[in-house]
N, C-alpha and C. Protein backbone atom coordinates (compact mmCIF):
# COMPACT_ATOMS: atom_id res chain seq x y z
N UNK A 1 -171.63 -107.92 4.68
CA UNK A 1 -170.47 -108.60 4.20
C UNK A 1 -169.82 -109.32 5.39
N UNK A 2 -169.23 -110.47 5.13
CA UNK A 2 -168.54 -111.24 6.16
C UNK A 2 -167.06 -110.86 6.14
N UNK A 3 -166.58 -110.41 7.30
CA UNK A 3 -165.22 -109.88 7.40
C UNK A 3 -164.43 -110.68 8.43
N UNK A 4 -163.21 -111.09 8.04
CA UNK A 4 -162.28 -111.71 8.98
C UNK A 4 -161.16 -110.72 9.23
N UNK A 5 -160.93 -110.40 10.49
CA UNK A 5 -159.83 -109.50 10.85
C UNK A 5 -158.68 -110.36 11.35
N UNK A 6 -157.55 -110.27 10.65
CA UNK A 6 -156.36 -111.02 11.02
C UNK A 6 -155.40 -110.07 11.72
N UNK A 7 -154.87 -110.51 12.85
CA UNK A 7 -153.93 -109.67 13.59
C UNK A 7 -153.22 -110.49 14.65
N UNK A 8 -152.38 -109.82 15.39
CA UNK A 8 -151.63 -110.46 16.46
C UNK A 8 -152.52 -110.63 17.69
N UNK A 9 -152.35 -111.77 18.38
CA UNK A 9 -153.16 -112.03 19.56
C UNK A 9 -152.92 -110.98 20.64
N UNK A 10 -151.73 -110.40 20.68
CA UNK A 10 -151.46 -109.36 21.68
C UNK A 10 -152.30 -108.11 21.43
N UNK A 11 -152.85 -107.98 20.23
CA UNK A 11 -153.70 -106.84 19.88
C UNK A 11 -155.19 -107.18 19.93
N UNK A 12 -155.52 -108.30 20.53
CA UNK A 12 -156.90 -108.79 20.55
C UNK A 12 -157.88 -107.72 21.04
N UNK A 13 -157.61 -107.08 22.15
CA UNK A 13 -158.54 -106.07 22.70
C UNK A 13 -158.70 -104.89 21.76
N UNK A 14 -157.59 -104.42 21.20
CA UNK A 14 -157.67 -103.28 20.28
C UNK A 14 -158.45 -103.64 19.03
N UNK A 15 -158.20 -104.83 18.49
CA UNK A 15 -158.88 -105.24 17.26
C UNK A 15 -160.34 -105.60 17.51
N UNK A 16 -160.66 -106.04 18.71
CA UNK A 16 -162.07 -106.30 19.05
C UNK A 16 -162.86 -105.00 18.92
N UNK A 17 -162.28 -103.89 19.35
CA UNK A 17 -162.96 -102.59 19.23
C UNK A 17 -163.14 -102.21 17.76
N UNK A 18 -162.14 -102.50 16.93
CA UNK A 18 -162.26 -102.21 15.50
C UNK A 18 -163.36 -103.08 14.88
N UNK A 19 -163.40 -104.34 15.25
CA UNK A 19 -164.42 -105.26 14.73
C UNK A 19 -165.82 -104.77 15.10
N UNK A 20 -165.98 -104.27 16.30
CA UNK A 20 -167.28 -103.76 16.75
C UNK A 20 -167.76 -102.61 15.87
N UNK A 21 -166.84 -101.81 15.37
CA UNK A 21 -167.21 -100.69 14.50
C UNK A 21 -167.82 -101.20 13.19
N UNK A 22 -167.28 -102.29 12.66
CA UNK A 22 -167.84 -102.87 11.44
C UNK A 22 -169.17 -103.56 11.74
N UNK A 23 -169.23 -104.22 12.89
CA UNK A 23 -170.46 -104.89 13.33
C UNK A 23 -171.59 -103.86 13.47
N UNK A 24 -171.26 -102.70 14.03
CA UNK A 24 -172.26 -101.65 14.26
C UNK A 24 -172.90 -101.13 12.98
N UNK A 25 -172.19 -101.24 11.86
CA UNK A 25 -172.79 -100.78 10.59
C UNK A 25 -173.32 -101.95 9.77
N UNK A 26 -173.47 -103.12 10.41
CA UNK A 26 -174.19 -104.22 9.79
C UNK A 26 -173.38 -105.34 9.19
N UNK A 27 -172.06 -105.31 9.35
CA UNK A 27 -171.23 -106.38 8.79
C UNK A 27 -171.03 -107.49 9.82
N UNK A 28 -170.80 -108.70 9.33
CA UNK A 28 -170.57 -109.86 10.19
C UNK A 28 -169.07 -110.08 10.33
N UNK A 29 -168.63 -110.34 11.55
CA UNK A 29 -167.22 -110.64 11.80
C UNK A 29 -167.10 -112.14 12.00
N UNK A 30 -166.34 -112.81 11.12
CA UNK A 30 -166.22 -114.26 11.21
C UNK A 30 -165.10 -114.70 12.14
N UNK A 31 -164.17 -113.84 12.48
CA UNK A 31 -163.02 -114.21 13.30
C UNK A 31 -163.35 -114.21 14.79
N UNK A 32 -163.69 -115.37 15.32
CA UNK A 32 -164.04 -115.45 16.74
C UNK A 32 -162.82 -115.41 17.64
N UNK A 33 -161.61 -115.43 17.09
CA UNK A 33 -160.40 -115.34 17.91
C UNK A 33 -160.39 -114.03 18.71
N UNK A 34 -161.12 -113.04 18.23
CA UNK A 34 -161.18 -111.76 18.92
C UNK A 34 -161.90 -111.87 20.27
N UNK A 35 -162.66 -112.94 20.45
CA UNK A 35 -163.43 -113.14 21.68
C UNK A 35 -162.91 -114.28 22.53
N UNK A 36 -161.86 -114.96 22.09
CA UNK A 36 -161.36 -116.13 22.81
C UNK A 36 -160.78 -115.75 24.16
N UNK A 37 -160.96 -116.70 25.06
CA UNK A 37 -160.42 -116.52 26.41
C UNK A 37 -159.40 -117.62 26.68
N UNK A 38 -159.48 -118.24 27.81
CA UNK A 38 -158.49 -119.24 28.21
C UNK A 38 -158.80 -120.62 27.65
N UNK A 39 -157.76 -121.44 27.61
CA UNK A 39 -157.86 -122.83 27.19
C UNK A 39 -158.66 -123.62 28.22
N UNK A 40 -159.60 -124.48 27.76
CA UNK A 40 -160.32 -125.34 28.70
C UNK A 40 -159.33 -126.26 29.43
N UNK A 41 -159.50 -126.47 30.70
CA UNK A 41 -158.55 -127.24 31.49
C UNK A 41 -158.45 -128.69 31.07
N UNK A 42 -159.50 -129.22 30.43
CA UNK A 42 -159.45 -130.62 30.00
C UNK A 42 -158.64 -130.82 28.72
N UNK A 43 -158.18 -129.74 28.09
CA UNK A 43 -157.40 -129.82 26.86
C UNK A 43 -155.95 -129.47 27.12
N UNK A 44 -155.06 -130.19 26.48
CA UNK A 44 -153.65 -129.80 26.56
C UNK A 44 -153.45 -128.54 25.71
N UNK A 45 -152.36 -127.85 25.94
CA UNK A 45 -152.05 -126.66 25.16
C UNK A 45 -151.93 -127.01 23.68
N UNK A 46 -151.30 -128.12 23.38
CA UNK A 46 -151.14 -128.55 21.98
C UNK A 46 -152.50 -128.82 21.33
N UNK A 47 -153.38 -129.53 22.03
CA UNK A 47 -154.72 -129.81 21.49
C UNK A 47 -155.48 -128.51 21.25
N UNK A 48 -155.40 -127.60 22.20
CA UNK A 48 -156.10 -126.33 22.09
C UNK A 48 -155.61 -125.53 20.88
N UNK A 49 -154.31 -125.45 20.71
CA UNK A 49 -153.75 -124.71 19.58
C UNK A 49 -154.14 -125.34 18.25
N UNK A 50 -154.20 -126.65 18.20
CA UNK A 50 -154.62 -127.35 16.99
C UNK A 50 -156.08 -127.01 16.66
N UNK A 51 -156.93 -127.04 17.66
CA UNK A 51 -158.35 -126.70 17.47
C UNK A 51 -158.49 -125.25 16.99
N UNK A 52 -157.72 -124.36 17.60
CA UNK A 52 -157.78 -122.96 17.19
C UNK A 52 -157.36 -122.77 15.74
N UNK A 53 -156.32 -123.47 15.33
CA UNK A 53 -155.84 -123.34 13.95
C UNK A 53 -156.91 -123.78 12.95
N UNK A 54 -157.57 -124.90 13.23
CA UNK A 54 -158.63 -125.37 12.33
C UNK A 54 -159.82 -124.41 12.32
N UNK A 55 -160.18 -123.91 13.50
CA UNK A 55 -161.30 -122.98 13.61
C UNK A 55 -161.01 -121.70 12.84
N UNK A 56 -159.82 -121.14 13.06
CA UNK A 56 -159.45 -119.90 12.38
C UNK A 56 -159.44 -120.09 10.86
N UNK A 57 -158.93 -121.22 10.41
CA UNK A 57 -158.91 -121.51 8.97
C UNK A 57 -160.33 -121.54 8.41
N UNK A 58 -161.24 -122.22 9.09
CA UNK A 58 -162.63 -122.29 8.64
C UNK A 58 -163.27 -120.90 8.60
N UNK A 59 -162.93 -120.07 9.57
CA UNK A 59 -163.50 -118.72 9.61
C UNK A 59 -162.95 -117.84 8.50
N UNK A 60 -161.71 -118.04 8.11
CA UNK A 60 -161.16 -117.31 6.96
C UNK A 60 -161.90 -117.71 5.70
N UNK A 61 -162.13 -119.02 5.52
CA UNK A 61 -162.87 -119.50 4.36
C UNK A 61 -164.28 -118.93 4.31
N UNK A 62 -164.89 -118.69 5.46
CA UNK A 62 -166.26 -118.20 5.51
C UNK A 62 -166.38 -116.71 5.18
N UNK A 63 -165.27 -115.99 5.17
CA UNK A 63 -165.29 -114.54 4.97
C UNK A 63 -165.30 -114.14 3.50
N UNK A 64 -165.86 -112.96 3.24
CA UNK A 64 -165.79 -112.34 1.91
C UNK A 64 -164.57 -111.43 1.80
N UNK A 65 -164.18 -110.89 2.95
CA UNK A 65 -163.10 -109.91 3.01
C UNK A 65 -162.19 -110.26 4.18
N UNK A 66 -160.89 -110.23 3.95
CA UNK A 66 -159.91 -110.42 5.00
C UNK A 66 -159.17 -109.10 5.16
N UNK A 67 -159.19 -108.57 6.39
CA UNK A 67 -158.44 -107.35 6.68
C UNK A 67 -157.29 -107.73 7.59
N UNK A 68 -156.08 -107.49 7.12
CA UNK A 68 -154.88 -107.80 7.89
C UNK A 68 -154.39 -106.55 8.60
N UNK A 69 -154.37 -106.60 9.94
CA UNK A 69 -153.82 -105.51 10.73
C UNK A 69 -152.31 -105.72 10.79
N UNK A 70 -151.58 -104.89 10.07
CA UNK A 70 -150.12 -105.03 10.02
C UNK A 70 -149.43 -103.92 10.81
N UNK A 71 -150.17 -103.35 11.76
CA UNK A 71 -149.59 -102.30 12.59
C UNK A 71 -148.62 -102.90 13.60
N UNK A 72 -148.76 -104.19 13.89
CA UNK A 72 -147.81 -104.95 14.71
C UNK A 72 -147.25 -106.04 13.80
N UNK A 73 -146.06 -106.53 14.09
CA UNK A 73 -145.43 -107.43 13.13
C UNK A 73 -145.40 -108.90 13.53
N UNK A 74 -145.98 -109.27 14.65
CA UNK A 74 -145.89 -110.67 15.06
C UNK A 74 -147.21 -111.41 14.90
N UNK A 75 -147.17 -112.73 15.05
CA UNK A 75 -148.39 -113.52 15.07
C UNK A 75 -148.62 -114.35 13.83
N UNK A 76 -149.64 -115.18 13.90
CA UNK A 76 -149.99 -116.08 12.81
C UNK A 76 -150.86 -115.43 11.74
N UNK A 77 -151.04 -114.14 11.83
CA UNK A 77 -151.91 -113.43 10.89
C UNK A 77 -151.52 -113.63 9.44
N UNK A 78 -150.24 -113.86 9.16
CA UNK A 78 -149.81 -114.06 7.77
C UNK A 78 -150.24 -115.41 7.22
N UNK A 79 -150.49 -116.36 8.10
CA UNK A 79 -151.06 -117.64 7.64
C UNK A 79 -152.48 -117.40 7.14
N UNK A 80 -153.24 -116.64 7.88
CA UNK A 80 -154.61 -116.32 7.46
C UNK A 80 -154.60 -115.52 6.16
N UNK A 81 -153.66 -114.61 6.04
CA UNK A 81 -153.50 -113.84 4.81
C UNK A 81 -153.20 -114.79 3.64
N UNK A 82 -152.33 -115.76 3.88
CA UNK A 82 -151.98 -116.74 2.84
C UNK A 82 -153.17 -117.58 2.42
N UNK A 83 -154.01 -117.95 3.37
CA UNK A 83 -155.23 -118.69 3.03
C UNK A 83 -156.10 -117.82 2.12
N UNK A 84 -156.20 -116.55 2.46
CA UNK A 84 -156.96 -115.62 1.62
C UNK A 84 -156.38 -115.50 0.22
N UNK A 85 -155.07 -115.44 0.12
CA UNK A 85 -154.41 -115.38 -1.20
C UNK A 85 -154.78 -116.62 -2.01
N UNK A 86 -154.84 -117.76 -1.35
CA UNK A 86 -155.20 -119.00 -2.03
C UNK A 86 -156.62 -118.98 -2.58
N UNK A 87 -157.43 -118.08 -2.10
CA UNK A 87 -158.80 -117.95 -2.58
C UNK A 87 -159.01 -116.59 -3.24
N UNK A 88 -158.00 -116.08 -3.92
CA UNK A 88 -158.02 -114.72 -4.44
C UNK A 88 -159.21 -114.40 -5.32
N UNK A 89 -159.79 -115.37 -5.96
CA UNK A 89 -160.94 -115.10 -6.82
C UNK A 89 -162.23 -115.01 -6.02
N UNK A 90 -162.20 -115.43 -4.77
CA UNK A 90 -163.40 -115.43 -3.93
C UNK A 90 -163.33 -114.44 -2.79
N UNK A 91 -162.17 -113.87 -2.52
CA UNK A 91 -161.96 -113.02 -1.36
C UNK A 91 -161.35 -111.69 -1.75
N UNK A 92 -161.67 -110.68 -0.98
CA UNK A 92 -160.97 -109.41 -1.05
C UNK A 92 -159.95 -109.39 0.06
N UNK A 93 -158.81 -108.76 -0.20
CA UNK A 93 -157.74 -108.69 0.78
C UNK A 93 -157.38 -107.22 1.01
N UNK A 94 -157.55 -106.74 2.23
CA UNK A 94 -157.22 -105.37 2.58
C UNK A 94 -156.14 -105.38 3.64
N UNK A 95 -155.22 -104.43 3.56
CA UNK A 95 -154.11 -104.33 4.50
C UNK A 95 -154.18 -103.02 5.26
N UNK A 96 -154.06 -103.10 6.58
CA UNK A 96 -153.97 -101.91 7.43
C UNK A 96 -152.50 -101.79 7.84
N UNK A 97 -151.88 -100.67 7.52
CA UNK A 97 -150.47 -100.48 7.82
C UNK A 97 -149.61 -100.71 6.59
N UNK A 98 -148.33 -100.70 6.80
CA UNK A 98 -147.37 -100.84 5.69
C UNK A 98 -147.11 -102.31 5.37
N UNK A 99 -146.91 -102.63 4.10
CA UNK A 99 -146.52 -104.00 3.74
C UNK A 99 -145.18 -104.35 4.39
N UNK A 100 -145.09 -105.57 4.89
CA UNK A 100 -143.83 -106.00 5.49
C UNK A 100 -143.25 -107.24 4.81
N UNK A 101 -143.95 -107.73 3.79
CA UNK A 101 -143.38 -108.79 2.95
C UNK A 101 -144.02 -108.71 1.58
N UNK A 102 -143.46 -109.40 0.64
CA UNK A 102 -143.90 -109.31 -0.76
C UNK A 102 -145.37 -109.68 -0.94
N UNK A 103 -145.89 -110.57 -0.12
CA UNK A 103 -147.28 -111.02 -0.26
C UNK A 103 -148.29 -109.96 0.17
N UNK A 104 -147.86 -108.99 0.93
CA UNK A 104 -148.77 -107.92 1.34
C UNK A 104 -149.10 -106.99 0.18
N UNK A 105 -148.25 -106.99 -0.85
CA UNK A 105 -148.50 -106.14 -2.01
C UNK A 105 -149.65 -106.67 -2.87
N UNK A 106 -150.10 -107.86 -2.57
CA UNK A 106 -151.25 -108.44 -3.28
C UNK A 106 -152.56 -107.79 -2.84
N UNK A 107 -152.52 -107.06 -1.75
CA UNK A 107 -153.74 -106.46 -1.18
C UNK A 107 -154.53 -105.71 -2.25
N UNK A 108 -155.85 -105.92 -2.22
CA UNK A 108 -156.75 -105.19 -3.12
C UNK A 108 -156.82 -103.72 -2.73
N UNK A 109 -156.71 -103.45 -1.44
CA UNK A 109 -156.71 -102.08 -0.92
C UNK A 109 -155.77 -102.01 0.26
N UNK A 110 -155.13 -100.85 0.43
CA UNK A 110 -154.27 -100.62 1.59
C UNK A 110 -154.70 -99.34 2.28
N UNK A 111 -154.70 -99.38 3.61
CA UNK A 111 -155.09 -98.24 4.43
C UNK A 111 -154.01 -98.00 5.47
N UNK A 112 -153.81 -96.75 5.84
CA UNK A 112 -152.82 -96.42 6.87
C UNK A 112 -153.33 -96.77 8.27
N UNK A 113 -154.65 -96.72 8.45
CA UNK A 113 -155.22 -97.00 9.78
C UNK A 113 -156.65 -97.49 9.64
N UNK A 114 -157.24 -97.88 10.76
CA UNK A 114 -158.59 -98.43 10.77
C UNK A 114 -159.64 -97.39 10.43
N UNK A 115 -159.42 -96.13 10.81
CA UNK A 115 -160.38 -95.08 10.48
C UNK A 115 -160.53 -94.93 8.97
N UNK A 116 -159.43 -94.98 8.23
CA UNK A 116 -159.48 -94.89 6.77
C UNK A 116 -160.28 -96.05 6.18
N UNK A 117 -160.06 -97.24 6.71
CA UNK A 117 -160.74 -98.43 6.22
C UNK A 117 -162.25 -98.32 6.44
N UNK A 118 -162.64 -97.95 7.64
CA UNK A 118 -164.06 -97.82 7.96
C UNK A 118 -164.70 -96.71 7.14
N UNK A 119 -164.01 -95.61 6.96
CA UNK A 119 -164.52 -94.50 6.14
C UNK A 119 -164.75 -94.95 4.70
N UNK A 120 -163.84 -95.79 4.18
CA UNK A 120 -163.99 -96.30 2.82
C UNK A 120 -165.27 -97.13 2.70
N UNK A 121 -165.48 -98.00 3.65
CA UNK A 121 -166.70 -98.84 3.62
C UNK A 121 -167.94 -97.97 3.71
N UNK A 122 -167.94 -97.00 4.59
CA UNK A 122 -169.10 -96.11 4.74
C UNK A 122 -169.31 -95.27 3.49
N UNK A 123 -168.23 -94.76 2.91
CA UNK A 123 -168.33 -93.92 1.71
C UNK A 123 -168.91 -94.70 0.54
N UNK A 124 -168.50 -95.93 0.41
CA UNK A 124 -168.99 -96.77 -0.67
C UNK A 124 -170.40 -97.27 -0.38
N UNK A 125 -170.89 -96.98 0.85
CA UNK A 125 -172.22 -97.42 1.27
C UNK A 125 -172.39 -98.90 1.00
N UNK A 126 -171.43 -99.66 1.43
CA UNK A 126 -171.44 -101.09 1.20
C UNK A 126 -172.46 -101.77 2.10
N UNK A 127 -173.41 -102.37 1.49
CA UNK A 127 -174.39 -103.16 2.25
C UNK A 127 -173.70 -104.42 2.73
N UNK A 128 -173.98 -104.86 3.95
CA UNK A 128 -173.32 -106.05 4.47
C UNK A 128 -173.43 -107.29 3.57
N UNK A 129 -174.51 -107.39 2.80
CA UNK A 129 -174.68 -108.58 1.96
C UNK A 129 -174.05 -108.43 0.58
N UNK A 130 -173.53 -107.26 0.29
CA UNK A 130 -172.96 -107.00 -1.04
C UNK A 130 -171.44 -107.06 -0.97
N UNK A 131 -170.83 -107.78 -1.88
CA UNK A 131 -169.37 -107.85 -1.93
C UNK A 131 -168.83 -106.58 -2.56
N UNK A 132 -167.66 -106.16 -2.09
CA UNK A 132 -167.02 -104.93 -2.57
C UNK A 132 -166.54 -105.11 -4.00
């Protein structure tokens, strides 16, 4: 299954470890923001942010499942969540942590932490190519 993990950039290292756990059991992670480093020097900050926004949007569209890490409250992660809501018939939406706005209640599944989420996927024996 193709999974996009949405979260705050300040949590990039923590979420990269969570993404690796899904990768290890055969799922594809479409969100390359987890691996991003510095802006190329030939690009202005504005150009770089614009490119990132388009890239992240395309990666959300490519996913079967969007998991929103709501353990922290900042960041553009809610934009990615909104894109997923716009494709509700094509995407699953899972929330890690407590809802912090009305749109989080749309989640197909809610988990208190990443361990619960991973255990659910393992328990259901979800093959990476099969949608939940």
